[in-house]
């Protein structure tokens, strides 16, 4: 017989926004370990690592990564979040909110959810060092997220951390403590999305 867990309502979301190589994945796992309730760790990188994307890339046409595939991929990823949380799953989401329109779109999609938005900051010299050490990232990608895309300029956070010195258990616990004392209507809910059905994902 198929198991039927009790209906617990919508899941809660802890969303980490920070540059590539800022320590989001490490922080997400540390938070997950610190919580005494089951939270799913969700990121777009997990989708990419699964091999779901076609290898073919072209400058124009349907296989254009920047103009065609990438916007649709991220729009789909964003829609996965309310689907997972709507089924009652608590989520730790790591993301790079690259565009103001993405933040507005997420506010629209997650308007009925308890979302705790965390800004993950890291010294850019340390981000550069981590990229060189990892070897699987384009050098300058994380710096570009901050200096060019302005990912931390689209609005306030419910909580902010600095991961320049790494992710310690104390840092992870500070996020959990702040989350437990949160206002369940977080800063993402403060964005006015009235009359907006589907903001362009950019």
Protein backbone atom coordinates (compact mmCIF):
# COMPACT_ATOMS: atom_id res chain seq x y z
CA UNK A 1 0.00 0.00 0.00
CA UNK A 2 1.26 3.44 -0.87
CA UNK A 3 2.25 5.40 2.26
CA UNK A 4 0.21 8.52 2.90
CA UNK A 5 1.91 10.93 5.30
CA UNK A 6 -0.30 13.42 7.13
CA UNK A 7 -0.98 16.68 5.34
CA UNK A 8 1.38 19.22 6.88
CA UNK A 9 0.57 22.12 4.60
CA UNK A 10 3.04 24.06 2.51
CA UNK A 11 6.73 23.58 3.04
CA UNK A 12 8.98 26.37 4.28
CA UNK A 13 11.87 27.74 2.24
CA UNK A 14 15.30 28.97 3.28
CA UNK A 15 16.76 30.59 0.16
CA UNK A 16 20.48 31.37 -0.09
CA UNK A 17 21.47 34.00 -2.66
CA UNK A 18 25.15 34.52 -3.38
CA UNK A 19 27.80 34.54 -6.06
CA UNK A 20 29.32 31.44 -7.58
CA UNK A 21 32.02 30.04 -5.23
CA UNK A 22 30.75 32.08 -2.28
CA UNK A 23 30.10 28.92 -0.24
CA UNK A 24 26.37 28.43 -0.78
CA UNK A 25 26.51 24.66 -1.24
CA UNK A 26 28.68 24.19 1.83
CA UNK A 27 26.38 26.45 3.84
CA UNK A 28 23.25 24.69 2.58
CA UNK A 29 24.60 21.30 3.67
CA UNK A 30 25.68 22.69 7.04
CA UNK A 31 22.23 24.20 7.63
CA UNK A 32 20.62 20.93 6.57
CA UNK A 33 22.70 19.07 9.18
CA UNK A 34 21.85 21.66 11.86
CA UNK A 35 18.10 21.36 11.46
CA UNK A 36 16.13 18.78 13.44
CA UNK A 37 13.57 18.52 10.65
CA UNK A 38 14.06 17.12 7.10
CA UNK A 39 14.84 19.82 4.55
CA UNK A 40 15.59 19.13 0.87
CA UNK A 41 18.67 20.85 -0.58
CA UNK A 42 17.78 22.19 -4.03
CA UNK A 43 19.96 23.98 -6.58
CA UNK A 44 20.08 24.49 -10.33
CA UNK A 45 23.60 23.00 -10.34
CA UNK A 46 22.09 19.68 -9.29
CA UNK A 47 19.91 19.73 -12.39
CA UNK A 48 22.90 20.50 -14.60
CA UNK A 49 25.03 17.78 -12.95
CA UNK A 50 22.31 15.23 -13.69
CA UNK A 51 23.11 15.51 -17.40
CA UNK A 52 19.67 16.79 -18.35
CA UNK A 53 20.96 19.58 -20.61
CA UNK A 54 21.88 18.90 -24.25
CA UNK A 55 25.56 19.34 -25.05
CA UNK A 56 24.80 21.18 -28.26
CA UNK A 57 25.35 24.96 -28.13
CA UNK A 58 24.92 27.48 -30.94
CA UNK A 59 25.00 31.25 -31.20
CA UNK A 60 21.49 31.45 -32.66
CA UNK A 61 18.36 29.35 -32.93
CA UNK A 62 16.80 26.89 -30.47
CA UNK A 63 20.21 25.68 -29.22
CA UNK A 64 21.33 29.18 -28.30
CA UNK A 65 22.23 28.87 -24.61
CA UNK A 66 21.90 32.50 -23.53
CA UNK A 67 18.89 33.54 -25.61
CA UNK A 68 16.86 30.33 -25.77
CA UNK A 69 17.79 27.42 -23.49
CA UNK A 70 19.04 29.23 -20.40
CA UNK A 71 15.96 31.47 -19.83
CA UNK A 72 13.62 28.49 -20.20
CA UNK A 73 15.78 26.32 -17.96
CA UNK A 74 15.74 28.84 -15.12
CA UNK A 75 12.05 29.62 -15.55
CA UNK A 76 11.43 25.89 -15.14
CA UNK A 77 13.76 25.72 -12.14
CA UNK A 78 11.89 28.58 -10.49
CA UNK A 79 8.58 26.78 -11.05
CA UNK A 80 9.97 23.63 -9.40
CA UNK A 81 10.28 25.46 -6.08
CA UNK A 82 6.56 26.07 -5.41
CA UNK A 83 5.83 22.57 -6.72
CA UNK A 84 8.21 20.95 -4.22
CA UNK A 85 7.21 23.18 -1.32
CA UNK A 86 3.53 22.92 -2.23
CA UNK A 87 3.78 19.15 -1.73
CA UNK A 88 4.85 19.80 1.87
CA UNK A 89 8.61 19.64 1.46
CA UNK A 90 10.76 22.08 3.44
CA UNK A 91 13.53 23.42 1.20
CA UNK A 92 16.99 24.91 1.43
CA UNK A 93 17.43 26.55 -1.97
CA UNK A 94 20.77 27.84 -3.16
CA UNK A 95 20.55 30.26 -6.03
CA UNK A 96 22.18 33.15 -7.83
CA UNK A 97 19.41 35.70 -8.35
CA UNK A 98 21.09 37.31 -11.36
CA UNK A 99 18.34 39.73 -12.40
CA UNK A 100 15.92 42.00 -10.60
CA UNK A 101 13.16 40.40 -12.68
CA UNK A 102 14.12 37.01 -11.26
CA UNK A 103 13.60 38.32 -7.74
CA UNK A 104 10.23 39.74 -8.77
CA UNK A 105 9.29 36.46 -10.46
CA UNK A 106 10.23 34.44 -7.39
CA UNK A 107 8.18 36.82 -5.24
CA UNK A 108 5.23 36.15 -7.54
CA UNK A 109 5.66 32.37 -7.56
CA UNK A 110 6.29 32.09 -3.81
CA UNK A 111 3.81 34.71 -2.61
CA UNK A 112 1.89 32.14 -0.55
CA UNK A 113 4.97 30.52 1.01
CA UNK A 114 7.08 31.17 4.09
CA UNK A 115 10.39 32.23 2.50
CA UNK A 116 13.50 33.26 4.47
CA UNK A 117 15.94 35.01 2.14
CA UNK A 118 19.62 34.89 3.13
CA UNK A 119 22.33 36.97 1.47
CA UNK A 120 25.61 35.05 1.23
CA UNK A 121 28.55 37.45 0.97
CA UNK A 122 32.21 36.64 0.45
CA UNK A 123 35.30 38.74 -0.19
CA UNK A 124 35.84 38.77 -3.95
CA UNK A 125 39.53 37.98 -3.67
CA UNK A 126 38.55 34.83 -1.79
CA UNK A 127 35.93 34.02 -4.44
CA UNK A 128 38.67 34.35 -7.09
CA UNK A 129 40.96 32.06 -5.08
CA UNK A 130 38.25 29.42 -4.71
CA UNK A 131 37.53 29.49 -8.44
CA UNK A 132 41.20 28.86 -9.22
CA UNK A 133 41.33 26.06 -6.66
CA UNK A 134 38.14 24.40 -7.88
CA UNK A 135 39.14 24.40 -11.52
CA UNK A 136 35.56 23.83 -12.71
CA UNK A 137 34.44 27.45 -12.78
CA UNK A 138 35.13 30.27 -15.21
CA UNK A 139 37.59 32.61 -13.53
CA UNK A 140 35.84 35.88 -12.72
CA UNK A 141 32.35 34.37 -12.77
CA UNK A 142 31.64 34.97 -9.08
CA UNK A 143 33.12 38.46 -9.15
CA UNK A 144 30.92 39.25 -12.15
CA UNK A 145 27.81 38.18 -10.26
CA UNK A 146 28.53 40.86 -7.66
CA UNK A 147 30.20 43.65 -9.63
CA UNK A 148 28.35 43.38 -12.95
CA UNK A 149 25.05 41.63 -12.22
CA UNK A 150 24.66 43.34 -8.85
CA UNK A 151 23.00 40.31 -7.27
CA UNK A 152 22.97 41.87 -3.80
CA UNK A 153 21.41 45.16 -4.93
CA UNK A 154 17.85 44.08 -5.78
CA UNK A 155 16.43 44.44 -2.29
CA UNK A 156 16.93 43.61 1.40
CA UNK A 157 17.49 40.23 2.99
CA UNK A 158 15.94 38.59 6.02
CA UNK A 159 19.46 37.66 7.16
CA UNK A 160 23.01 38.03 5.84
CA UNK A 161 26.21 36.07 6.37
CA UNK A 162 29.85 36.44 5.37
CA UNK A 163 31.57 33.21 4.32
CA UNK A 164 35.03 34.67 3.58
CA UNK A 165 36.50 32.67 6.47
CA UNK A 166 34.58 29.56 5.47
CA UNK A 167 31.40 27.96 6.78
CA UNK A 168 31.65 26.96 10.42
CA UNK A 169 29.00 25.09 12.43
CA UNK A 170 28.51 28.34 14.35
CA UNK A 171 27.74 30.24 11.14
CA UNK A 172 25.25 27.61 10.04
CA UNK A 173 23.58 27.63 13.46
CA UNK A 174 23.29 31.42 13.29
CA UNK A 175 21.19 31.06 10.13
CA UNK A 176 19.00 28.44 11.79
CA UNK A 177 18.58 30.63 14.90
CA UNK A 178 17.63 33.65 12.77
CA UNK A 179 15.23 31.49 10.75
CA UNK A 180 13.51 30.23 13.88
CA UNK A 181 12.91 33.80 15.09
CA UNK A 182 11.82 35.04 11.65
CA UNK A 183 8.82 36.99 10.57
CA UNK A 184 7.03 34.41 8.43
CA UNK A 185 6.21 37.15 5.94
CA UNK A 186 9.78 37.77 4.85
CA UNK A 187 11.29 40.45 2.64
CA UNK A 188 10.49 38.58 -0.58
CA UNK A 189 6.80 38.94 0.23
CA UNK A 190 7.22 42.73 0.47
CA UNK A 191 7.55 43.00 -3.32
CA UNK A 192 4.33 44.20 -4.90
CA UNK A 193 3.37 41.62 -7.52
CA UNK A 194 -0.27 42.64 -7.80
CA UNK A 195 -1.48 42.44 -11.36
CA UNK A 196 1.59 40.47 -12.38
CA UNK A 197 0.87 37.06 -13.86
CA UNK A 198 4.27 36.10 -15.21
CA UNK A 199 7.14 38.56 -15.06
CA UNK A 200 9.66 37.98 -17.81
CA UNK A 201 12.47 35.76 -16.46
CA UNK A 202 15.15 37.77 -18.36
